[in-house]
N, C-alpha and C. Protein backbone atom coordinates (compact mmCIF):
# COMPACT_ATOMS: atom_id res chain seq x y z
N UNK A 1 112.92 -25.90 -22.68
CA UNK A 1 113.43 -27.26 -22.63
C UNK A 1 113.66 -27.61 -21.16
N UNK A 2 113.45 -28.85 -20.80
CA UNK A 2 113.65 -29.27 -19.41
C UNK A 2 115.13 -29.39 -19.09
N UNK A 3 115.44 -29.26 -17.81
CA UNK A 3 116.83 -29.34 -17.38
C UNK A 3 117.42 -30.72 -17.67
N UNK A 4 116.66 -31.79 -17.49
CA UNK A 4 117.23 -33.12 -17.75
C UNK A 4 117.53 -33.31 -19.24
N UNK A 5 116.68 -32.81 -20.11
CA UNK A 5 116.95 -32.93 -21.56
C UNK A 5 118.18 -32.09 -21.92
N UNK A 6 118.28 -30.90 -21.34
CA UNK A 6 119.45 -30.05 -21.58
C UNK A 6 120.73 -30.76 -21.13
N UNK A 7 120.69 -31.38 -19.95
CA UNK A 7 121.87 -32.09 -19.46
C UNK A 7 122.20 -33.30 -20.32
N UNK A 8 121.19 -34.05 -20.73
CA UNK A 8 121.45 -35.21 -21.60
C UNK A 8 122.10 -34.77 -22.90
N UNK A 9 121.61 -33.69 -23.48
CA UNK A 9 122.18 -33.19 -24.73
C UNK A 9 123.64 -32.76 -24.53
N UNK A 10 123.88 -32.02 -23.46
CA UNK A 10 125.24 -31.56 -23.16
C UNK A 10 126.18 -32.74 -22.91
N UNK A 11 125.73 -33.70 -22.15
CA UNK A 11 126.55 -34.88 -21.85
C UNK A 11 126.84 -35.68 -23.11
N UNK A 12 125.82 -35.91 -23.93
CA UNK A 12 126.01 -36.66 -25.18
C UNK A 12 127.03 -35.96 -26.08
N UNK A 13 126.93 -34.63 -26.18
CA UNK A 13 127.88 -33.87 -27.02
C UNK A 13 129.31 -34.03 -26.50
N UNK A 14 129.48 -33.93 -25.20
CA UNK A 14 130.83 -34.05 -24.62
C UNK A 14 131.38 -35.46 -24.79
N UNK A 15 130.56 -36.46 -24.59
CA UNK A 15 131.04 -37.84 -24.69
C UNK A 15 131.35 -38.24 -26.12
N UNK A 16 130.51 -37.86 -27.07
CA UNK A 16 130.74 -38.26 -28.46
C UNK A 16 131.90 -37.52 -29.10
N UNK A 17 132.33 -36.41 -28.51
CA UNK A 17 133.44 -35.64 -29.08
C UNK A 17 134.81 -36.11 -28.60
N UNK A 18 134.87 -37.06 -27.69
CA UNK A 18 136.14 -37.47 -27.10
C UNK A 18 136.70 -38.73 -27.78
N UNK A 19 137.90 -38.61 -28.33
CA UNK A 19 138.53 -39.74 -29.04
C UNK A 19 138.90 -40.89 -28.10
N UNK A 20 139.32 -40.56 -26.88
CA UNK A 20 139.69 -41.62 -25.94
C UNK A 20 138.47 -42.46 -25.57
N UNK A 21 137.34 -41.80 -25.33
CA UNK A 21 136.12 -42.54 -25.01
C UNK A 21 135.64 -43.34 -26.22
N UNK A 22 135.78 -42.77 -27.41
CA UNK A 22 135.41 -43.50 -28.62
C UNK A 22 136.22 -44.79 -28.72
N UNK A 23 137.49 -44.71 -28.38
CA UNK A 23 138.34 -45.89 -28.40
C UNK A 23 137.86 -46.91 -27.37
N UNK A 24 137.50 -46.46 -26.17
CA UNK A 24 137.03 -47.37 -25.13
C UNK A 24 135.71 -48.03 -25.50
N UNK A 25 134.89 -47.34 -26.28
CA UNK A 25 133.59 -47.88 -26.67
C UNK A 25 133.65 -48.71 -27.96
N UNK A 26 134.80 -48.79 -28.57
CA UNK A 26 134.93 -49.59 -29.78
C UNK A 26 134.82 -51.06 -29.41
N UNK A 27 134.06 -51.84 -30.16
CA UNK A 27 133.92 -53.27 -29.83
C UNK A 27 135.23 -54.04 -30.01
N UNK A 28 136.20 -53.47 -30.72
CA UNK A 28 137.46 -54.16 -30.96
C UNK A 28 138.54 -53.82 -29.94
N UNK A 29 138.21 -53.00 -28.95
CA UNK A 29 139.20 -52.56 -27.97
C UNK A 29 139.36 -53.60 -26.88
N UNK A 30 140.56 -54.15 -26.72
CA UNK A 30 140.78 -55.05 -25.59
C UNK A 30 140.70 -54.25 -24.30
N UNK A 31 139.99 -54.74 -23.27
CA UNK A 31 139.77 -53.93 -22.07
C UNK A 31 141.03 -53.64 -21.27
N UNK A 32 142.09 -54.40 -21.42
CA UNK A 32 143.28 -54.21 -20.59
C UNK A 32 144.42 -53.51 -21.32
N UNK A 33 144.18 -52.98 -22.52
CA UNK A 33 145.26 -52.38 -23.29
C UNK A 33 145.12 -50.86 -23.35
N UNK A 34 146.23 -50.19 -23.35
CA UNK A 34 146.25 -48.74 -23.50
C UNK A 34 146.04 -48.40 -24.97
N UNK A 35 145.59 -47.19 -25.22
CA UNK A 35 145.36 -46.73 -26.58
C UNK A 35 146.67 -46.65 -27.35
N UNK A 36 146.62 -46.98 -28.62
CA UNK A 36 147.79 -46.88 -29.49
C UNK A 36 147.42 -46.03 -30.70
N UNK A 37 148.41 -45.64 -31.49
CA UNK A 37 148.11 -44.90 -32.72
C UNK A 37 147.33 -45.79 -33.66
N UNK A 38 146.46 -45.19 -34.43
CA UNK A 38 145.66 -45.95 -35.37
C UNK A 38 144.57 -46.76 -34.69
N UNK A 39 144.07 -46.27 -33.54
CA UNK A 39 143.07 -47.02 -32.79
C UNK A 39 141.78 -47.14 -33.58
N UNK A 40 141.02 -48.22 -33.35
CA UNK A 40 139.75 -48.38 -34.06
C UNK A 40 138.68 -47.48 -33.44
N UNK A 41 137.91 -46.81 -34.25
CA UNK A 41 136.79 -46.02 -33.77
C UNK A 41 135.53 -46.53 -34.45
N UNK A 42 134.57 -46.90 -33.66
CA UNK A 42 133.30 -47.39 -34.19
C UNK A 42 132.59 -46.27 -34.95
N UNK A 43 132.17 -46.54 -36.16
CA UNK A 43 131.49 -45.54 -36.97
C UNK A 43 130.16 -45.12 -36.36
N UNK A 44 129.58 -45.97 -35.56
CA UNK A 44 128.26 -45.72 -35.01
C UNK A 44 128.33 -45.36 -33.53
N UNK A 45 129.25 -44.48 -33.19
CA UNK A 45 129.45 -44.10 -31.80
C UNK A 45 128.19 -43.53 -31.18
N UNK A 46 127.43 -42.75 -31.95
CA UNK A 46 126.20 -42.15 -31.41
C UNK A 46 125.22 -43.22 -30.95
N UNK A 47 125.22 -44.39 -31.59
CA UNK A 47 124.34 -45.48 -31.16
C UNK A 47 124.81 -46.07 -29.83
N UNK A 48 126.07 -45.91 -29.51
CA UNK A 48 126.62 -46.46 -28.27
C UNK A 48 126.48 -45.50 -27.10
N UNK A 49 126.08 -44.25 -27.37
CA UNK A 49 125.85 -43.26 -26.32
C UNK A 49 124.48 -42.66 -26.60
N UNK A 50 123.44 -43.24 -26.05
CA UNK A 50 122.08 -42.81 -26.37
C UNK A 50 121.14 -43.14 -25.22
N UNK A 51 119.97 -42.51 -25.24
CA UNK A 51 118.98 -42.84 -24.22
C UNK A 51 118.16 -44.05 -24.62
N UNK A 52 118.29 -44.48 -25.86
CA UNK A 52 117.56 -45.65 -26.33
C UNK A 52 118.48 -46.55 -27.18
N UNK A 53 119.72 -46.69 -26.73
CA UNK A 53 120.70 -47.47 -27.49
C UNK A 53 120.30 -48.92 -27.67
N UNK A 54 120.77 -49.52 -28.75
CA UNK A 54 120.47 -50.92 -29.03
C UNK A 54 121.05 -51.80 -27.93
N UNK A 55 120.24 -52.68 -27.39
CA UNK A 55 120.66 -53.49 -26.26
C UNK A 55 121.74 -54.50 -26.61
N UNK A 56 121.89 -54.82 -27.89
CA UNK A 56 122.89 -55.82 -28.27
C UNK A 56 124.27 -55.20 -28.50
N UNK A 57 124.39 -53.88 -28.46
CA UNK A 57 125.69 -53.23 -28.65
C UNK A 57 126.45 -53.21 -27.33
N UNK A 58 127.64 -53.77 -27.34
CA UNK A 58 128.51 -53.72 -26.18
C UNK A 58 129.89 -53.29 -26.66
N UNK A 59 130.56 -52.43 -25.96
CA UNK A 59 130.08 -51.66 -24.81
C UNK A 59 129.18 -50.52 -25.23
N UNK A 60 128.40 -49.98 -24.27
CA UNK A 60 127.51 -48.87 -24.56
C UNK A 60 127.23 -48.07 -23.29
N UNK A 61 126.77 -46.83 -23.49
CA UNK A 61 126.36 -45.95 -22.42
C UNK A 61 124.92 -45.56 -22.68
N UNK A 62 124.06 -45.81 -21.72
CA UNK A 62 122.65 -45.41 -21.83
C UNK A 62 122.42 -44.20 -20.94
N UNK A 63 121.93 -43.12 -21.54
CA UNK A 63 121.57 -41.93 -20.77
C UNK A 63 120.21 -42.20 -20.15
N UNK A 64 120.23 -42.45 -18.86
CA UNK A 64 119.04 -42.96 -18.20
C UNK A 64 118.17 -41.92 -17.53
N UNK A 65 117.69 -42.30 -16.38
CA UNK A 65 116.68 -41.56 -15.66
C UNK A 65 117.19 -40.22 -15.16
N UNK A 66 116.30 -39.26 -15.10
CA UNK A 66 116.63 -37.95 -14.58
C UNK A 66 115.59 -37.48 -13.59
N UNK A 67 116.00 -36.64 -12.68
CA UNK A 67 115.10 -36.05 -11.70
C UNK A 67 115.51 -34.60 -11.49
N UNK A 68 114.52 -33.70 -11.46
CA UNK A 68 114.79 -32.29 -11.24
C UNK A 68 114.13 -31.85 -9.94
N UNK A 69 114.88 -31.12 -9.13
CA UNK A 69 114.36 -30.50 -7.93
C UNK A 69 114.36 -28.99 -8.20
N UNK A 70 113.18 -28.44 -8.56
CA UNK A 70 113.14 -27.03 -8.96
C UNK A 70 113.44 -26.09 -7.81
N UNK A 71 113.87 -24.89 -8.19
CA UNK A 71 114.18 -23.86 -7.20
C UNK A 71 112.91 -23.48 -6.45
N UNK A 72 113.07 -23.24 -5.18
CA UNK A 72 112.00 -22.74 -4.34
C UNK A 72 112.29 -21.25 -4.14
N UNK A 73 111.42 -20.40 -4.61
CA UNK A 73 111.69 -18.96 -4.62
C UNK A 73 111.99 -18.40 -3.24
N UNK A 74 111.59 -19.08 -2.18
CA UNK A 74 111.84 -18.57 -0.83
C UNK A 74 113.19 -19.00 -0.27
N UNK A 75 113.73 -20.13 -0.77
CA UNK A 75 114.93 -20.65 -0.12
C UNK A 75 116.08 -20.97 -1.06
N UNK A 76 115.85 -20.90 -2.36
CA UNK A 76 116.92 -21.31 -3.26
C UNK A 76 116.84 -20.55 -4.58
N UNK A 77 117.98 -20.26 -5.15
CA UNK A 77 118.06 -19.56 -6.43
C UNK A 77 118.29 -20.52 -7.58
N UNK A 78 118.47 -21.82 -7.32
CA UNK A 78 118.91 -22.74 -8.36
C UNK A 78 118.07 -24.01 -8.39
N UNK A 79 118.06 -24.62 -9.56
CA UNK A 79 117.48 -25.95 -9.72
C UNK A 79 118.59 -26.96 -9.51
N UNK A 80 118.22 -28.12 -9.04
CA UNK A 80 119.17 -29.23 -8.94
C UNK A 80 118.61 -30.38 -9.76
N UNK A 81 119.52 -31.17 -10.32
CA UNK A 81 119.10 -32.32 -11.11
C UNK A 81 120.05 -33.48 -10.85
N UNK A 82 119.49 -34.66 -10.95
CA UNK A 82 120.26 -35.90 -10.84
C UNK A 82 119.98 -36.69 -12.11
N UNK A 83 121.04 -37.16 -12.74
CA UNK A 83 120.91 -37.92 -13.98
C UNK A 83 121.71 -39.20 -13.86
N UNK A 84 121.10 -40.32 -14.21
CA UNK A 84 121.77 -41.62 -14.11
C UNK A 84 122.22 -42.08 -15.49
N UNK A 85 123.46 -42.56 -15.56
CA UNK A 85 123.99 -43.17 -16.78
C UNK A 85 124.24 -44.65 -16.49
N UNK A 86 123.94 -45.48 -17.47
CA UNK A 86 124.17 -46.92 -17.34
C UNK A 86 125.25 -47.31 -18.34
N UNK A 87 126.27 -47.99 -17.86
CA UNK A 87 127.39 -48.40 -18.69
C UNK A 87 127.35 -49.92 -18.78
N UNK A 88 127.35 -50.45 -19.99
CA UNK A 88 127.28 -51.89 -20.19
C UNK A 88 128.52 -52.35 -20.96
N UNK A 89 129.17 -53.37 -20.43
CA UNK A 89 130.32 -53.96 -21.12
C UNK A 89 130.20 -55.47 -21.02
N UNK A 90 130.95 -56.16 -21.88
CA UNK A 90 131.00 -57.62 -21.80
C UNK A 90 131.93 -57.99 -20.65
N UNK A 91 131.63 -59.07 -19.96
CA UNK A 91 132.48 -59.54 -18.86
C UNK A 91 133.74 -60.16 -19.41
N UNK A 92 134.52 -60.85 -18.64
CA UNK A 92 134.22 -61.20 -17.26
C UNK A 92 134.67 -60.15 -16.27
N UNK A 93 135.66 -59.34 -16.59
CA UNK A 93 136.18 -58.36 -15.63
C UNK A 93 135.52 -57.01 -15.77
N UNK A 94 135.76 -56.15 -14.79
CA UNK A 94 135.13 -54.84 -14.78
C UNK A 94 136.06 -53.71 -15.22
N UNK A 95 137.26 -54.04 -15.70
CA UNK A 95 138.24 -53.02 -16.06
C UNK A 95 137.69 -52.08 -17.14
N UNK A 96 137.08 -52.61 -18.17
CA UNK A 96 136.56 -51.77 -19.26
C UNK A 96 135.51 -50.80 -18.74
N UNK A 97 134.59 -51.29 -17.92
CA UNK A 97 133.55 -50.42 -17.36
C UNK A 97 134.16 -49.35 -16.47
N UNK A 98 135.15 -49.71 -15.69
CA UNK A 98 135.80 -48.73 -14.82
C UNK A 98 136.49 -47.64 -15.63
N UNK A 99 137.12 -47.99 -16.73
CA UNK A 99 137.78 -47.00 -17.58
C UNK A 99 136.76 -46.07 -18.24
N UNK A 100 135.66 -46.63 -18.69
CA UNK A 100 134.60 -45.82 -19.30
C UNK A 100 134.02 -44.86 -18.26
N UNK A 101 133.77 -45.36 -17.06
CA UNK A 101 133.21 -44.51 -16.00
C UNK A 101 134.18 -43.40 -15.60
N UNK A 102 135.45 -43.70 -15.59
CA UNK A 102 136.46 -42.69 -15.29
C UNK A 102 136.46 -41.60 -16.36
N UNK A 103 136.34 -42.01 -17.62
CA UNK A 103 136.28 -41.03 -18.72
C UNK A 103 135.02 -40.17 -18.61
N UNK A 104 133.89 -40.77 -18.26
CA UNK A 104 132.65 -40.00 -18.09
C UNK A 104 132.83 -38.96 -17.00
N UNK A 105 133.43 -39.34 -15.88
CA UNK A 105 133.66 -38.40 -14.78
C UNK A 105 134.50 -37.22 -15.26
N UNK A 106 135.55 -37.50 -16.00
CA UNK A 106 136.45 -36.45 -16.51
C UNK A 106 135.74 -35.55 -17.51
N UNK A 107 134.97 -36.14 -18.42
CA UNK A 107 134.37 -35.37 -19.52
C UNK A 107 133.15 -34.57 -19.12
N UNK A 108 132.44 -34.99 -18.10
CA UNK A 108 131.19 -34.31 -17.74
C UNK A 108 131.36 -33.28 -16.64
N UNK A 109 132.52 -33.24 -15.99
CA UNK A 109 132.71 -32.32 -14.86
C UNK A 109 132.64 -30.87 -15.33
N UNK A 110 131.76 -30.11 -14.65
CA UNK A 110 131.65 -28.67 -14.88
C UNK A 110 131.81 -27.99 -13.54
N UNK A 111 132.80 -27.11 -13.44
CA UNK A 111 133.02 -26.35 -12.21
C UNK A 111 133.01 -24.84 -12.48
N UNK A 112 133.02 -24.46 -13.74
CA UNK A 112 132.91 -23.07 -14.16
C UNK A 112 131.61 -22.97 -14.96
N UNK A 113 130.75 -22.00 -14.69
CA UNK A 113 129.44 -21.94 -15.36
C UNK A 113 129.51 -22.05 -16.88
N UNK A 114 128.56 -22.81 -17.42
CA UNK A 114 128.46 -23.07 -18.86
C UNK A 114 127.00 -22.83 -19.27
N UNK A 115 126.78 -22.05 -20.35
CA UNK A 115 125.43 -21.85 -20.89
C UNK A 115 125.05 -23.03 -21.76
N UNK A 116 123.81 -23.49 -21.59
CA UNK A 116 123.31 -24.60 -22.41
C UNK A 116 121.78 -24.54 -22.47
N UNK A 117 121.23 -24.31 -23.65
CA UNK A 117 119.78 -24.37 -23.90
C UNK A 117 118.91 -23.71 -22.83
N UNK A 118 119.16 -22.46 -22.54
CA UNK A 118 118.32 -21.73 -21.60
C UNK A 118 118.67 -21.91 -20.14
N UNK A 119 119.79 -22.56 -19.86
CA UNK A 119 120.24 -22.75 -18.49
C UNK A 119 121.70 -22.33 -18.36
N UNK A 120 122.04 -21.89 -17.18
CA UNK A 120 123.44 -21.71 -16.82
C UNK A 120 123.75 -22.87 -15.88
N UNK A 121 124.59 -23.78 -16.35
CA UNK A 121 124.98 -24.94 -15.55
C UNK A 121 126.16 -24.50 -14.69
N UNK A 122 125.95 -24.45 -13.39
CA UNK A 122 127.00 -23.99 -12.47
C UNK A 122 127.89 -25.13 -12.00
N UNK A 123 127.33 -26.31 -11.96
CA UNK A 123 128.10 -27.46 -11.45
C UNK A 123 127.50 -28.74 -12.02
N UNK A 124 128.38 -29.63 -12.45
CA UNK A 124 127.98 -30.97 -12.87
C UNK A 124 129.11 -31.90 -12.45
N UNK A 125 128.82 -32.83 -11.58
CA UNK A 125 129.84 -33.74 -11.06
C UNK A 125 129.26 -35.14 -10.91
N UNK A 126 130.15 -36.12 -10.88
CA UNK A 126 129.73 -37.48 -10.57
C UNK A 126 129.48 -37.56 -9.07
N UNK A 127 128.26 -37.90 -8.70
CA UNK A 127 127.90 -38.03 -7.28
C UNK A 127 128.32 -39.39 -6.73
N UNK A 128 128.09 -40.45 -7.53
CA UNK A 128 128.56 -41.78 -7.13
C UNK A 128 128.50 -42.73 -8.32
N UNK A 129 129.30 -43.78 -8.21
CA UNK A 129 129.39 -44.81 -9.25
C UNK A 129 129.43 -46.18 -8.58
N UNK A 130 128.89 -47.14 -9.27
CA UNK A 130 129.01 -48.52 -8.78
C UNK A 130 128.97 -49.48 -9.96
N UNK A 131 129.52 -50.67 -9.72
CA UNK A 131 129.56 -51.69 -10.76
C UNK A 131 128.83 -52.93 -10.25
N UNK A 132 128.00 -53.48 -11.12
CA UNK A 132 127.20 -54.67 -10.80
C UNK A 132 127.54 -55.75 -11.82
N UNK A 133 127.78 -56.95 -11.36
CA UNK A 133 128.01 -58.08 -12.27
C UNK A 133 126.67 -58.77 -12.51
N UNK A 134 126.21 -58.71 -13.76
CA UNK A 134 124.94 -59.35 -14.10
C UNK A 134 125.12 -60.85 -14.27
N UNK A 135 124.09 -61.63 -13.94
CA UNK A 135 124.20 -63.09 -14.06
C UNK A 135 124.51 -63.56 -15.48
N UNK A 136 124.14 -62.77 -16.50
CA UNK A 136 124.37 -63.15 -17.88
C UNK A 136 125.80 -62.93 -18.34
N UNK A 137 126.67 -62.43 -17.46
CA UNK A 137 128.07 -62.23 -17.81
C UNK A 137 128.43 -60.80 -18.18
N UNK A 138 127.43 -59.93 -18.30
CA UNK A 138 127.73 -58.54 -18.61
C UNK A 138 128.08 -57.78 -17.33
N UNK A 139 128.82 -56.70 -17.50
CA UNK A 139 129.14 -55.79 -16.41
C UNK A 139 128.25 -54.57 -16.58
N UNK A 140 127.58 -54.17 -15.51
CA UNK A 140 126.66 -53.04 -15.54
C UNK A 140 127.16 -51.98 -14.57
N UNK A 141 127.63 -50.86 -15.11
CA UNK A 141 128.03 -49.73 -14.28
C UNK A 141 126.89 -48.74 -14.18
N UNK A 142 126.70 -48.19 -13.00
CA UNK A 142 125.67 -47.18 -12.77
C UNK A 142 126.37 -45.94 -12.24
N UNK A 143 126.21 -44.83 -12.95
CA UNK A 143 126.89 -43.60 -12.57
C UNK A 143 125.84 -42.50 -12.44
N UNK A 144 125.84 -41.84 -11.30
CA UNK A 144 124.88 -40.78 -11.03
C UNK A 144 125.59 -39.43 -11.05
N UNK A 145 125.06 -38.52 -11.87
CA UNK A 145 125.61 -37.17 -11.98
C UNK A 145 124.68 -36.19 -11.28
N UNK A 146 125.26 -35.20 -10.61
CA UNK A 146 124.49 -34.19 -9.90
C UNK A 146 124.79 -32.83 -10.52
N UNK A 147 123.73 -32.06 -10.80
CA UNK A 147 123.89 -30.76 -11.43
C UNK A 147 123.21 -29.67 -10.62
N UNK A 148 123.79 -28.49 -10.67
CA UNK A 148 123.18 -27.28 -10.13
C UNK A 148 123.10 -26.30 -11.29
N UNK A 149 121.89 -25.78 -11.55
CA UNK A 149 121.70 -24.91 -12.70
C UNK A 149 120.69 -23.82 -12.38
N UNK A 150 120.72 -22.76 -13.18
CA UNK A 150 119.78 -21.66 -13.08
C UNK A 150 119.21 -21.41 -14.45
N UNK A 151 117.88 -21.35 -14.53
CA UNK A 151 117.25 -21.04 -15.81
C UNK A 151 117.51 -19.59 -16.14
N UNK A 152 117.89 -19.34 -17.40
CA UNK A 152 118.18 -17.95 -17.80
C UNK A 152 117.26 -17.51 -18.94
């Protein structure tokens, strides 16, 4: 399996398992309110975190483009990968997107090696994030994750 597919699978598993993120991705969640007991959870969370999610679902996370820089046997023992996530929320403010991006940073961070589908993931961190206001009123967050891994 390719490193980008392995990372996408690992990221999707971590994101879909988190109740706080599920609450943030619920269409009924007001963007400026803290979570309360009995929070709404969208039954179709997996559709909101996908590489081919429905474009009409807001908010949503699209597992986007990936790039792998394979190990060079003369100078490096590890592969590196960059994976882009796209976060879409309804406007007008960016608070909801910022909260979702913060949750992604927390949930995807790997600093202790983790085995996943033929790889040992040594590091996975958010390299950078930015928010773009689309002319149509949607907020578009772009989050880039950087990974260091070794095929096992």
